Amino acid sequence: MPAFDLFEIREADTVSIVRFAQEIDNFSHRASELHEQLLRFVGDHSCLKLVIDLKDTTYLPSSVLGVLVQLHNHGCEVHLANASDDVVEVLHVTQLVRMIHVNETAVEPWSEDISERLEVVVVGVQGYCVTCPECLHEVDTDKHNIGKRTVCGHCDHEFAVAAELLREATHLSADCPSCHNRLRFRREQLQQTIPCPLCDTQMEIRMIV
């Protein structure tokens, strides 16, 4: 069984996007599994904001709403995108809109199979170019270093890699799969095709598992 069989993952980072992998009716008797899987996913990826795409989902059973509340109680900011009018009404009636953000985040349609574009290699983000709080020089830190300490190579200042630093990073980094050149790119270039400046490998860099 895959690690997360109750939902599909499009992007995994401090802000992650998922959608349910089964008919929502099937979740009533698997609520504890859904909670365990989502909580593990959030922990594995230091996810601060979880966006659940409800495209083609007309309602949410109370068991799933309970899971979302538990995620909120664990400190994860929960967003529902493309929620139907019925879902929005239920959240307002139950006052869960105080805990769960509804239709505040736009989610583009999911690509059916990005691997079909054989000329473009999909590469995962590997680092964040954060700003040293002491000398303001850029420090490239691994995406899994959140909560850990790192040292600025320019001034030797040691500082904690806080989630806020990652969110504020305007540039990210990844390794070219062909020549292993470390590539620095702007955050807005995510999901765009960009070439490696050394070997011209065409890459689409994404936040992936």
N, C-alpha and C. Protein backbone atom coordinates (compact mmCIF):
# COMPACT_ATOMS: atom_id res chain seq x y z
N MET A 1 0.85 -1.19 0.00
CA MET A 1 0.00 0.00 0.00
C MET A 1 0.89 1.24 0.00
N PRO A 2 0.61 2.24 -0.85
CA PRO A 2 1.41 3.45 -0.86
C PRO A 2 1.32 4.18 0.47
N ALA A 3 2.30 5.04 0.72
CA ALA A 3 2.35 5.74 2.00
C ALA A 3 1.10 6.57 2.24
N PHE A 4 0.58 7.18 1.17
CA PHE A 4 -0.61 8.02 1.29
C PHE A 4 -1.61 7.58 0.21
N ASP A 5 -2.46 6.64 0.56
CA ASP A 5 -3.38 6.10 -0.45
C ASP A 5 -4.74 6.80 -0.44
N LEU A 6 -4.99 7.69 0.52
CA LEU A 6 -6.29 8.35 0.61
C LEU A 6 -6.32 9.72 -0.07
N PHE A 7 -5.16 10.20 -0.52
CA PHE A 7 -5.13 11.47 -1.23
C PHE A 7 -3.96 11.49 -2.20
N GLU A 8 -4.11 12.33 -3.23
CA GLU A 8 -3.07 12.52 -4.22
C GLU A 8 -2.35 13.83 -3.93
N ILE A 9 -1.08 13.89 -4.26
CA ILE A 9 -0.25 15.04 -3.94
C ILE A 9 0.23 15.70 -5.22
N ARG A 10 -0.03 16.99 -5.33
CA ARG A 10 0.51 17.72 -6.47
C ARG A 10 1.76 18.49 -6.07
N GLU A 11 1.73 19.11 -4.93
CA GLU A 11 2.89 19.86 -4.45
C GLU A 11 3.05 19.61 -2.96
N ALA A 12 4.30 19.49 -2.54
CA ALA A 12 4.57 19.24 -1.13
C ALA A 12 5.65 20.18 -0.65
N ASP A 13 5.28 21.06 0.25
CA ASP A 13 6.22 22.05 0.78
C ASP A 13 5.58 22.67 2.00
N THR A 14 6.09 23.83 2.44
CA THR A 14 5.45 24.52 3.55
C THR A 14 4.00 24.86 3.19
N VAL A 15 3.76 25.06 1.88
CA VAL A 15 2.40 25.17 1.36
C VAL A 15 2.19 23.98 0.43
N SER A 16 1.26 23.09 0.75
CA SER A 16 1.06 21.86 -0.01
C SER A 16 -0.35 21.78 -0.57
N ILE A 17 -0.48 21.11 -1.72
CA ILE A 17 -1.77 20.95 -2.38
C ILE A 17 -2.05 19.46 -2.55
N VAL A 18 -3.22 19.02 -2.08
CA VAL A 18 -3.61 17.62 -2.22
C VAL A 18 -5.07 17.55 -2.65
N ARG A 19 -5.50 16.39 -3.09
CA ARG A 19 -6.92 16.14 -3.35
C ARG A 19 -7.22 14.71 -2.95
N PHE A 20 -8.43 14.45 -2.56
CA PHE A 20 -8.81 13.12 -2.12
C PHE A 20 -8.75 12.14 -3.29
N ALA A 21 -8.27 10.92 -3.01
CA ALA A 21 -8.05 9.94 -4.07
C ALA A 21 -9.23 9.01 -4.27
N GLN A 22 -10.23 9.06 -3.39
CA GLN A 22 -11.37 8.16 -3.47
C GLN A 22 -12.66 8.95 -3.41
N GLU A 23 -13.76 8.26 -3.71
CA GLU A 23 -15.06 8.88 -3.50
C GLU A 23 -15.20 9.23 -2.03
N ILE A 24 -15.68 10.42 -1.76
CA ILE A 24 -15.74 10.91 -0.39
C ILE A 24 -16.61 10.02 0.50
N ASP A 25 -17.58 9.30 -0.10
CA ASP A 25 -18.43 8.40 0.69
C ASP A 25 -17.62 7.34 1.43
N ASN A 26 -16.47 6.98 0.85
CA ASN A 26 -15.68 5.89 1.42
C ASN A 26 -14.87 6.31 2.64
N PHE A 27 -14.89 7.60 2.98
CA PHE A 27 -14.03 8.07 4.04
C PHE A 27 -14.63 7.92 5.44
N SER A 28 -15.93 7.71 5.52
CA SER A 28 -16.58 7.68 6.83
C SER A 28 -15.97 6.64 7.75
N HIS A 29 -15.65 5.45 7.22
CA HIS A 29 -15.10 4.39 8.06
C HIS A 29 -13.57 4.40 8.07
N ARG A 30 -12.96 5.40 7.39
CA ARG A 30 -11.49 5.46 7.36
C ARG A 30 -10.99 6.82 7.85
N ALA A 31 -11.81 7.48 8.66
CA ALA A 31 -11.46 8.82 9.13
C ALA A 31 -10.15 8.81 9.92
N SER A 32 -9.95 7.81 10.75
CA SER A 32 -8.72 7.76 11.55
C SER A 32 -7.50 7.57 10.66
N GLU A 33 -7.66 6.77 9.58
CA GLU A 33 -6.55 6.58 8.64
C GLU A 33 -6.25 7.88 7.90
N LEU A 34 -7.32 8.59 7.49
CA LEU A 34 -7.14 9.86 6.79
C LEU A 34 -6.40 10.85 7.69
N HIS A 35 -6.81 10.91 8.95
CA HIS A 35 -6.15 11.82 9.89
C HIS A 35 -4.68 11.45 10.05
N GLU A 36 -4.40 10.16 10.20
CA GLU A 36 -3.01 9.71 10.39
C GLU A 36 -2.16 10.03 9.18
N GLN A 37 -2.70 9.78 7.98
CA GLN A 37 -1.93 10.02 6.76
C GLN A 37 -1.68 11.51 6.53
N LEU A 38 -2.71 12.33 6.72
CA LEU A 38 -2.54 13.77 6.52
C LEU A 38 -1.58 14.35 7.55
N LEU A 39 -1.69 13.90 8.79
CA LEU A 39 -0.81 14.40 9.84
C LEU A 39 0.64 14.00 9.56
N ARG A 40 0.83 12.77 9.07
CA ARG A 40 2.19 12.32 8.73
C ARG A 40 2.75 13.11 7.55
N PHE A 41 1.89 13.36 6.56
CA PHE A 41 2.31 14.14 5.40
C PHE A 41 2.72 15.55 5.81
N VAL A 42 1.89 16.19 6.65
CA VAL A 42 2.18 17.54 7.12
C VAL A 42 3.49 17.57 7.89
N GLY A 43 3.73 16.55 8.72
CA GLY A 43 4.97 16.49 9.49
C GLY A 43 6.17 16.22 8.63
N ASP A 44 6.05 15.31 7.66
CA ASP A 44 7.18 14.95 6.79
C ASP A 44 7.67 16.14 5.98
N HIS A 45 6.76 17.03 5.62
CA HIS A 45 7.11 18.12 4.71
C HIS A 45 7.07 19.49 5.38
N SER A 46 7.04 19.49 6.71
CA SER A 46 7.01 20.76 7.45
C SER A 46 5.95 21.69 6.89
N CYS A 47 4.78 21.11 6.59
CA CYS A 47 3.70 21.85 5.93
C CYS A 47 3.02 22.79 6.93
N LEU A 48 3.00 24.07 6.59
CA LEU A 48 2.34 25.07 7.43
C LEU A 48 0.95 25.41 6.91
N LYS A 49 0.75 25.22 5.62
CA LYS A 49 -0.54 25.53 4.99
C LYS A 49 -0.90 24.38 4.06
N LEU A 50 -2.01 23.71 4.34
CA LEU A 50 -2.47 22.58 3.54
C LEU A 50 -3.70 23.01 2.74
N VAL A 51 -3.59 22.92 1.42
CA VAL A 51 -4.70 23.27 0.53
C VAL A 51 -5.29 21.98 -0.03
N ILE A 52 -6.57 21.74 0.25
CA ILE A 52 -7.25 20.55 -0.26
C ILE A 52 -8.17 20.97 -1.40
N ASP A 53 -7.89 20.44 -2.58
CA ASP A 53 -8.68 20.78 -3.76
C ASP A 53 -9.95 19.94 -3.79
N LEU A 54 -11.10 20.59 -3.70
CA LEU A 54 -12.39 19.89 -3.66
C LEU A 54 -13.11 19.93 -5.01
N LYS A 55 -12.35 20.12 -6.07
CA LYS A 55 -12.96 20.11 -7.40
C LYS A 55 -13.72 18.80 -7.60
N ASP A 56 -14.98 18.89 -8.04
CA ASP A 56 -15.85 17.72 -8.29
C ASP A 56 -16.31 17.04 -7.00
N THR A 57 -16.06 17.65 -5.83
CA THR A 57 -16.57 17.13 -4.56
C THR A 57 -17.69 18.05 -4.07
N THR A 58 -18.88 17.51 -3.96
CA THR A 58 -20.03 18.36 -3.64
C THR A 58 -20.29 18.52 -2.15
N TYR A 59 -19.81 17.57 -1.34
CA TYR A 59 -20.03 17.69 0.11
C TYR A 59 -18.92 16.97 0.86
N LEU A 60 -18.83 17.26 2.17
CA LEU A 60 -17.85 16.60 3.03
C LEU A 60 -18.58 15.97 4.21
N PRO A 61 -18.40 14.67 4.44
CA PRO A 61 -19.03 14.04 5.60
C PRO A 61 -18.45 14.59 6.90
N SER A 62 -19.20 14.46 7.97
CA SER A 62 -18.77 15.01 9.25
C SER A 62 -17.45 14.40 9.72
N SER A 63 -17.20 13.14 9.34
CA SER A 63 -15.95 12.50 9.74
C SER A 63 -14.75 13.21 9.15
N VAL A 64 -14.87 13.67 7.89
CA VAL A 64 -13.77 14.39 7.24
C VAL A 64 -13.63 15.78 7.84
N LEU A 65 -14.75 16.44 8.11
CA LEU A 65 -14.68 17.75 8.76
C LEU A 65 -13.96 17.65 10.11
N GLY A 66 -14.23 16.56 10.83
CA GLY A 66 -13.55 16.35 12.10
C GLY A 66 -12.05 16.22 11.94
N VAL A 67 -11.63 15.55 10.86
CA VAL A 67 -10.19 15.41 10.58
C VAL A 67 -9.57 16.77 10.31
N LEU A 68 -10.27 17.61 9.55
CA LEU A 68 -9.74 18.94 9.23
C LEU A 68 -9.60 19.80 10.49
N VAL A 69 -10.55 19.66 11.40
CA VAL A 69 -10.47 20.39 12.66
C VAL A 69 -9.26 19.92 13.46
N GLN A 70 -9.01 18.62 13.47
CA GLN A 70 -7.86 18.08 14.20
C GLN A 70 -6.56 18.60 13.61
N LEU A 71 -6.49 18.71 12.27
CA LEU A 71 -5.28 19.27 11.65
C LEU A 71 -5.08 20.71 12.09
N HIS A 72 -6.17 21.48 12.12
CA HIS A 72 -6.09 22.87 12.60
C HIS A 72 -5.57 22.91 14.03
N ASN A 73 -6.07 22.01 14.87
CA ASN A 73 -5.66 21.98 16.27
C ASN A 73 -4.19 21.60 16.43
N HIS A 74 -3.64 20.93 15.40
CA HIS A 74 -2.21 20.58 15.43
C HIS A 74 -1.35 21.70 14.87
N GLY A 75 -1.95 22.84 14.53
CA GLY A 75 -1.17 23.99 14.08
C GLY A 75 -1.04 24.14 12.59
N CYS A 76 -1.75 23.32 11.80
CA CYS A 76 -1.69 23.42 10.34
C CYS A 76 -2.81 24.33 9.85
N GLU A 77 -2.50 25.28 8.99
CA GLU A 77 -3.50 26.16 8.41
C GLU A 77 -4.19 25.41 7.27
N VAL A 78 -5.47 25.12 7.42
CA VAL A 78 -6.21 24.29 6.47
C VAL A 78 -7.04 25.17 5.53
N HIS A 79 -6.87 24.95 4.24
CA HIS A 79 -7.63 25.68 3.22
C HIS A 79 -8.37 24.68 2.34
N LEU A 80 -9.60 25.03 1.97
CA LEU A 80 -10.37 24.25 1.01
C LEU A 80 -10.51 25.10 -0.25
N ALA A 81 -10.06 24.56 -1.38
CA ALA A 81 -10.16 25.27 -2.65
C ALA A 81 -11.24 24.61 -3.51
N ASN A 82 -11.89 25.40 -4.33
CA ASN A 82 -12.95 24.91 -5.23
C ASN A 82 -14.08 24.23 -4.47
N ALA A 83 -14.37 24.72 -3.28
CA ALA A 83 -15.45 24.13 -2.47
C ALA A 83 -16.81 24.51 -3.07
N SER A 84 -17.74 23.56 -3.06
CA SER A 84 -19.08 23.79 -3.58
C SER A 84 -19.86 24.70 -2.65
N ASP A 85 -20.98 25.22 -3.14
CA ASP A 85 -21.84 26.07 -2.30
C ASP A 85 -22.34 25.31 -1.08
N ASP A 86 -22.64 24.00 -1.25
CA ASP A 86 -23.12 23.20 -0.13
C ASP A 86 -22.06 23.08 0.97
N VAL A 87 -20.80 22.87 0.55
CA VAL A 87 -19.72 22.77 1.53
C VAL A 87 -19.54 24.10 2.25
N VAL A 88 -19.57 25.18 1.50
CA VAL A 88 -19.42 26.51 2.10
C VAL A 88 -20.53 26.77 3.12
N GLU A 89 -21.75 26.40 2.77
CA GLU A 89 -22.88 26.62 3.67
C GLU A 89 -22.72 25.82 4.96
N VAL A 90 -22.31 24.56 4.84
CA VAL A 90 -22.13 23.73 6.03
C VAL A 90 -21.08 24.33 6.95
N LEU A 91 -19.98 24.81 6.38
CA LEU A 91 -18.91 25.38 7.20
C LEU A 91 -19.36 26.66 7.89
N HIS A 92 -20.22 27.42 7.22
CA HIS A 92 -20.73 28.63 7.86
C HIS A 92 -21.72 28.28 8.97
N VAL A 93 -22.61 27.33 8.71
CA VAL A 93 -23.61 26.95 9.71
C VAL A 93 -22.95 26.38 10.96
N THR A 94 -21.92 25.57 10.75
CA THR A 94 -21.21 24.96 11.88
C THR A 94 -20.16 25.87 12.48
N GLN A 95 -19.97 27.05 11.87
CA GLN A 95 -18.97 28.04 12.30
C GLN A 95 -17.54 27.52 12.18
N LEU A 96 -17.35 26.49 11.34
CA LEU A 96 -16.00 25.98 11.13
C LEU A 96 -15.16 26.91 10.27
N VAL A 97 -15.79 27.93 9.68
CA VAL A 97 -15.02 28.91 8.91
C VAL A 97 -14.05 29.68 9.82
N ARG A 98 -14.25 29.57 11.13
CA ARG A 98 -13.31 30.18 12.07
C ARG A 98 -11.99 29.41 12.11
N MET A 99 -12.04 28.15 11.70
CA MET A 99 -10.85 27.29 11.72
C MET A 99 -10.34 26.94 10.33
N ILE A 100 -11.26 26.85 9.36
CA ILE A 100 -10.93 26.37 8.02
C ILE A 100 -11.19 27.48 7.01
N HIS A 101 -10.19 27.78 6.20
CA HIS A 101 -10.32 28.81 5.17
C HIS A 101 -10.97 28.20 3.92
N VAL A 102 -11.97 28.87 3.40
CA VAL A 102 -12.73 28.32 2.28
C VAL A 102 -12.64 29.23 1.06
N ASN A 103 -12.21 28.65 -0.06
CA ASN A 103 -12.15 29.34 -1.35
C ASN A 103 -11.36 30.65 -1.29
N GLU A 104 -10.34 30.69 -0.43
CA GLU A 104 -9.45 31.85 -0.38
C GLU A 104 -8.21 31.64 -1.25
N THR A 105 -7.97 30.38 -1.64
CA THR A 105 -6.79 30.03 -2.41
C THR A 105 -7.22 29.43 -3.75
N ALA A 106 -6.67 29.95 -4.84
CA ALA A 106 -7.00 29.44 -6.17
C ALA A 106 -6.07 28.28 -6.51
N VAL A 107 -6.65 27.20 -7.06
CA VAL A 107 -5.88 26.02 -7.47
C VAL A 107 -6.17 25.77 -8.95
N GLU A 108 -5.10 25.74 -9.73
CA GLU A 108 -5.26 25.49 -11.17
C GLU A 108 -5.64 24.03 -11.40
N PRO A 109 -6.26 23.72 -12.57
CA PRO A 109 -6.59 22.33 -12.90
C PRO A 109 -5.35 21.44 -12.87
N TRP A 110 -5.53 20.22 -12.40
CA TRP A 110 -4.42 19.28 -12.30
C TRP A 110 -4.04 18.78 -13.68
N SER A 111 -2.74 18.72 -13.95
CA SER A 111 -2.26 18.12 -15.20
C SER A 111 -2.48 16.62 -15.13
N GLU A 112 -2.95 16.05 -16.21
CA GLU A 112 -3.22 14.61 -16.22
C GLU A 112 -1.95 13.79 -16.09
N ASP A 113 -0.91 14.18 -16.82
CA ASP A 113 0.32 13.40 -16.74
C ASP A 113 1.47 14.24 -17.27
N ILE A 114 2.18 14.92 -16.40
CA ILE A 114 3.26 15.77 -16.85
C ILE A 114 4.43 14.96 -17.39
N SER A 115 4.49 13.64 -17.09
CA SER A 115 5.58 12.81 -17.59
C SER A 115 5.47 12.56 -19.08
N GLU A 116 4.31 12.87 -19.70
CA GLU A 116 4.16 12.66 -21.13
C GLU A 116 5.00 13.66 -21.93
N ARG A 117 5.37 14.79 -21.32
CA ARG A 117 6.18 15.76 -22.02
C ARG A 117 7.64 15.33 -21.89
N LEU A 118 8.06 14.40 -22.73
CA LEU A 118 9.34 13.72 -22.57
C LEU A 118 10.53 14.64 -22.73
N GLU A 119 10.35 15.76 -23.44
CA GLU A 119 11.47 16.66 -23.66
C GLU A 119 11.77 17.52 -22.44
N VAL A 120 10.88 17.50 -21.46
CA VAL A 120 11.07 18.30 -20.25
C VAL A 120 11.22 17.37 -19.06
N VAL A 121 12.28 17.58 -18.27
CA VAL A 121 12.53 16.77 -17.08
C VAL A 121 11.94 17.48 -15.87
N VAL A 122 11.11 16.77 -15.11
CA VAL A 122 10.52 17.34 -13.90
C VAL A 122 11.51 17.18 -12.75
N VAL A 123 11.83 18.29 -12.10
CA VAL A 123 12.83 18.31 -11.03
C VAL A 123 12.21 18.93 -9.78
N GLY A 124 12.49 18.36 -8.63
CA GLY A 124 11.96 18.87 -7.38
C GLY A 124 12.85 19.96 -6.78
N VAL A 125 12.21 20.93 -6.15
CA VAL A 125 12.96 21.98 -5.43
C VAL A 125 13.80 21.33 -4.33
N GLN A 126 15.04 21.77 -4.21
CA GLN A 126 15.92 21.19 -3.20
C GLN A 126 16.37 22.20 -2.15
N GLY A 127 16.30 23.47 -2.45
CA GLY A 127 16.77 24.45 -1.48
C GLY A 127 16.07 25.78 -1.58
N TYR A 128 16.25 26.59 -0.53
CA TYR A 128 15.71 27.94 -0.46
C TYR A 128 16.87 28.92 -0.29
N CYS A 129 16.85 30.01 -1.03
CA CYS A 129 17.88 31.03 -0.91
C CYS A 129 17.38 32.08 0.10
N VAL A 130 17.70 31.85 1.37
CA VAL A 130 17.20 32.73 2.43
C VAL A 130 18.21 33.84 2.72
N THR A 131 17.76 34.86 3.42
CA THR A 131 18.61 36.01 3.72
C THR A 131 19.18 35.90 5.13
N CYS A 132 20.49 36.02 5.24
CA CYS A 132 21.13 36.01 6.55
C CYS A 132 20.65 37.23 7.34
N PRO A 133 20.13 37.06 8.55
CA PRO A 133 19.63 38.21 9.32
C PRO A 133 20.74 39.14 9.80
N GLU A 134 22.01 38.70 9.72
CA GLU A 134 23.12 39.53 10.21
C GLU A 134 23.70 40.41 9.10
N CYS A 135 24.06 39.80 7.96
CA CYS A 135 24.73 40.56 6.90
C CYS A 135 23.87 40.73 5.65
N LEU A 136 22.68 40.09 5.64
CA LEU A 136 21.72 40.19 4.54
C LEU A 136 22.20 39.53 3.25
N HIS A 137 23.26 38.71 3.33
CA HIS A 137 23.68 37.95 2.16
C HIS A 137 22.80 36.70 2.02
N GLU A 138 22.78 36.17 0.84
CA GLU A 138 21.93 35.02 0.54
C GLU A 138 22.59 33.72 0.99
N VAL A 139 21.81 32.84 1.60
CA VAL A 139 22.29 31.52 2.05
C VAL A 139 21.37 30.46 1.45
N ASP A 140 21.95 29.52 0.73
CA ASP A 140 21.17 28.43 0.14
C ASP A 140 21.06 27.30 1.17
N THR A 141 19.85 27.05 1.64
CA THR A 141 19.66 26.03 2.67
C THR A 141 18.69 24.96 2.19
N ASP A 142 18.92 23.72 2.57
CA ASP A 142 18.08 22.61 2.15
C ASP A 142 16.66 22.78 2.65
N LYS A 143 15.69 22.29 1.86
CA LYS A 143 14.28 22.48 2.21
C LYS A 143 13.90 21.73 3.49
N HIS A 144 14.70 20.72 3.88
CA HIS A 144 14.37 19.94 5.07
C HIS A 144 15.01 20.54 6.34
N ASN A 145 15.66 21.70 6.21
CA ASN A 145 16.35 22.28 7.36
C ASN A 145 15.48 23.18 8.22
N ILE A 146 14.19 23.25 7.93
CA ILE A 146 13.31 24.10 8.71
C ILE A 146 13.36 23.69 10.19
N GLY A 147 13.54 24.68 11.05
CA GLY A 147 13.66 24.41 12.48
C GLY A 147 15.08 24.12 12.94
N LYS A 148 16.00 23.95 11.98
CA LYS A 148 17.39 23.67 12.32
C LYS A 148 18.21 24.96 12.21
N ARG A 149 19.48 24.87 12.55
CA ARG A 149 20.35 26.04 12.49
C ARG A 149 21.34 25.88 11.33
N THR A 150 21.68 27.00 10.72
CA THR A 150 22.64 26.99 9.62
C THR A 150 23.61 28.16 9.83
N VAL A 151 24.70 28.14 9.07
CA VAL A 151 25.74 29.17 9.21
C VAL A 151 25.89 29.91 7.88
N CYS A 152 25.90 31.22 7.94
CA CYS A 152 26.11 32.04 6.75
C CYS A 152 27.55 31.91 6.28
N GLY A 153 27.75 31.59 5.02
CA GLY A 153 29.10 31.44 4.47
C GLY A 153 29.83 32.76 4.29
N HIS A 154 29.10 33.86 4.42
CA HIS A 154 29.74 35.18 4.22
C HIS A 154 30.25 35.77 5.53
N CYS A 155 29.42 35.70 6.59
CA CYS A 155 29.82 36.34 7.86
C CYS A 155 29.94 35.36 9.02
N ASP A 156 29.68 34.06 8.76
CA ASP A 156 29.77 33.01 9.78
C ASP A 156 28.71 33.14 10.87
N HIS A 157 27.69 33.97 10.66
CA HIS A 157 26.62 34.10 11.63
C HIS A 157 25.75 32.84 11.62
N GLU A 158 25.46 32.31 12.79
CA GLU A 158 24.60 31.13 12.90
C GLU A 158 23.18 31.57 13.23
N PHE A 159 22.21 31.03 12.47
CA PHE A 159 20.82 31.42 12.71
C PHE A 159 19.90 30.25 12.44
N ALA A 160 18.69 30.34 12.98
CA ALA A 160 17.69 29.29 12.80
C ALA A 160 16.98 29.47 11.46
N VAL A 161 16.73 28.35 10.79
CA VAL A 161 15.99 28.37 9.52
C VAL A 161 14.51 28.31 9.87
N ALA A 162 13.90 29.46 10.06
CA ALA A 162 12.49 29.53 10.44
C ALA A 162 11.60 29.43 9.21
N ALA A 163 10.37 29.00 9.42
CA ALA A 163 9.42 28.88 8.32
C ALA A 163 9.21 30.22 7.63
N GLU A 164 9.26 31.31 8.40
CA GLU A 164 9.07 32.63 7.82
C GLU A 164 10.15 32.95 6.79
N LEU A 165 11.40 32.53 7.06
CA LEU A 165 12.48 32.77 6.12
C LEU A 165 12.23 32.04 4.80
N LEU A 166 11.71 30.81 4.90
CA LEU A 166 11.43 30.04 3.69
C LEU A 166 10.32 30.70 2.88
N ARG A 167 9.28 31.17 3.58
CA ARG A 167 8.17 31.82 2.88
C ARG A 167 8.62 33.10 2.18
N GLU A 168 9.58 33.81 2.78
CA GLU A 168 10.03 35.08 2.23
C GLU A 168 11.09 34.93 1.15
N ALA A 169 11.62 33.72 0.97
CA ALA A 169 12.67 33.51 -0.02
C ALA A 169 12.14 33.78 -1.43
N THR A 170 12.77 34.71 -2.12
CA THR A 170 12.34 35.05 -3.49
C THR A 170 12.97 34.13 -4.52
N HIS A 171 14.05 33.43 -4.12
CA HIS A 171 14.72 32.50 -5.03
C HIS A 171 14.84 31.12 -4.39
N LEU A 172 14.77 30.08 -5.23
CA LEU A 172 14.89 28.70 -4.80
C LEU A 172 16.05 28.07 -5.57
N SER A 173 16.35 26.80 -5.26
CA SER A 173 17.45 26.15 -5.96
C SER A 173 17.14 24.67 -6.20
N ALA A 174 17.78 24.12 -7.22
CA ALA A 174 17.63 22.71 -7.57
C ALA A 174 18.83 22.29 -8.40
N ASP A 175 19.12 20.97 -8.42
CA ASP A 175 20.25 20.44 -9.20
C ASP A 175 19.77 19.97 -10.56
N CYS A 176 20.52 20.33 -11.60
CA CYS A 176 20.23 19.82 -12.93
C CYS A 176 20.43 18.31 -12.93
N PRO A 177 19.48 17.52 -13.42
CA PRO A 177 19.62 16.06 -13.40
C PRO A 177 20.67 15.54 -14.38
N SER A 178 21.10 16.37 -15.32
CA SER A 178 22.08 15.94 -16.32
C SER A 178 23.52 16.26 -15.92
N CYS A 179 23.79 17.52 -15.60
CA CYS A 179 25.17 17.91 -15.28
C CYS A 179 25.37 18.21 -13.80
N HIS A 180 24.30 18.17 -13.01
CA HIS A 180 24.32 18.37 -11.56
C HIS A 180 24.72 19.79 -11.16
N ASN A 181 24.60 20.71 -12.10
CA ASN A 181 24.82 22.12 -11.79
C ASN A 181 23.72 22.60 -10.85
N ARG A 182 24.10 23.34 -9.80
CA ARG A 182 23.13 23.90 -8.87
C ARG A 182 22.49 25.13 -9.52
N LEU A 183 21.21 25.07 -9.69
CA LEU A 183 20.49 26.12 -10.42
C LEU A 183 19.70 26.98 -9.44
N ARG A 184 19.90 28.28 -9.53
CA ARG A 184 19.16 29.24 -8.72
C ARG A 184 18.10 29.89 -9.62
N PHE A 185 16.86 29.97 -9.13
CA PHE A 185 15.80 30.51 -9.97
C PHE A 185 14.79 31.25 -9.11
N ARG A 186 14.00 32.11 -9.74
CA ARG A 186 12.99 32.89 -9.04
C ARG A 186 11.79 32.01 -8.70
N ARG A 187 11.16 32.31 -7.57
CA ARG A 187 10.01 31.52 -7.12
C ARG A 187 8.90 31.50 -8.18
N GLU A 188 8.70 32.60 -8.89
CA GLU A 188 7.63 32.64 -9.89
C GLU A 188 7.93 31.77 -11.11
N GLN A 189 9.16 31.22 -11.20
CA GLN A 189 9.50 30.32 -12.30
C GLN A 189 9.10 28.88 -12.03
N LEU A 190 8.54 28.60 -10.83
CA LEU A 190 8.04 27.27 -10.55
C LEU A 190 7.00 26.88 -11.60
N GLN A 191 7.05 25.61 -12.03
CA GLN A 191 6.12 25.04 -13.00
C GLN A 191 6.28 25.65 -14.39
N GLN A 192 7.36 26.39 -14.61
CA GLN A 192 7.69 26.87 -15.95
C GLN A 192 8.88 26.08 -16.47
N THR A 193 9.00 25.97 -17.78
CA THR A 193 10.13 25.28 -18.38
C THR A 193 11.31 26.22 -18.46
N ILE A 194 12.42 25.83 -17.82
CA ILE A 194 13.63 26.66 -17.85
C ILE A 194 14.82 25.77 -18.21
N PRO A 195 15.80 26.29 -18.95
CA PRO A 195 16.96 25.50 -19.35
C PRO A 195 18.10 25.60 -18.35
N CYS A 196 18.88 24.54 -18.25
CA CYS A 196 20.11 24.61 -17.46
C CYS A 196 21.11 25.46 -18.25
N PRO A 197 21.75 26.46 -17.63
CA PRO A 197 22.67 27.32 -18.37
C PRO A 197 23.95 26.62 -18.82
N LEU A 198 24.26 25.45 -18.25
CA LEU A 198 25.49 24.75 -18.63
C LEU A 198 25.27 23.70 -19.71
N CYS A 199 24.18 22.90 -19.58
CA CYS A 199 23.98 21.80 -20.53
C CYS A 199 22.70 21.92 -21.34
N ASP A 200 21.91 22.95 -21.05
CA ASP A 200 20.67 23.25 -21.78
C ASP A 200 19.58 22.19 -21.58
N THR A 201 19.70 21.38 -20.55
CA THR A 201 18.60 20.45 -20.23
C THR A 201 17.35 21.26 -19.87
N GLN A 202 16.22 20.88 -20.49
CA GLN A 202 14.98 21.59 -20.23
C GLN A 202 14.31 21.00 -19.00
N MET A 203 14.04 21.85 -18.00
CA MET A 203 13.51 21.37 -16.73
C MET A 203 12.24 22.12 -16.36
N GLU A 204 11.34 21.41 -15.71
CA GLU A 204 10.21 22.04 -15.04
C GLU A 204 10.38 21.77 -13.56
N ILE A 205 10.62 22.81 -12.80
CA ILE A 205 10.92 22.64 -11.38
C ILE A 205 9.64 22.82 -10.58
N ARG A 206 9.38 21.83 -9.73
CA ARG A 206 8.12 21.82 -8.99
C ARG A 206 8.36 21.49 -7.53
N MET A 207 7.39 21.82 -6.69
CA MET A 207 7.38 21.37 -5.31
C MET A 207 6.76 19.98 -5.30
N ILE A 208 7.58 18.93 -5.27
CA ILE A 208 7.07 17.57 -5.34
C ILE A 208 7.64 16.75 -4.21
N VAL A 209 6.99 15.59 -3.97
CA VAL A 209 7.42 14.67 -2.92
C VAL A 209 8.68 13.95 -3.36
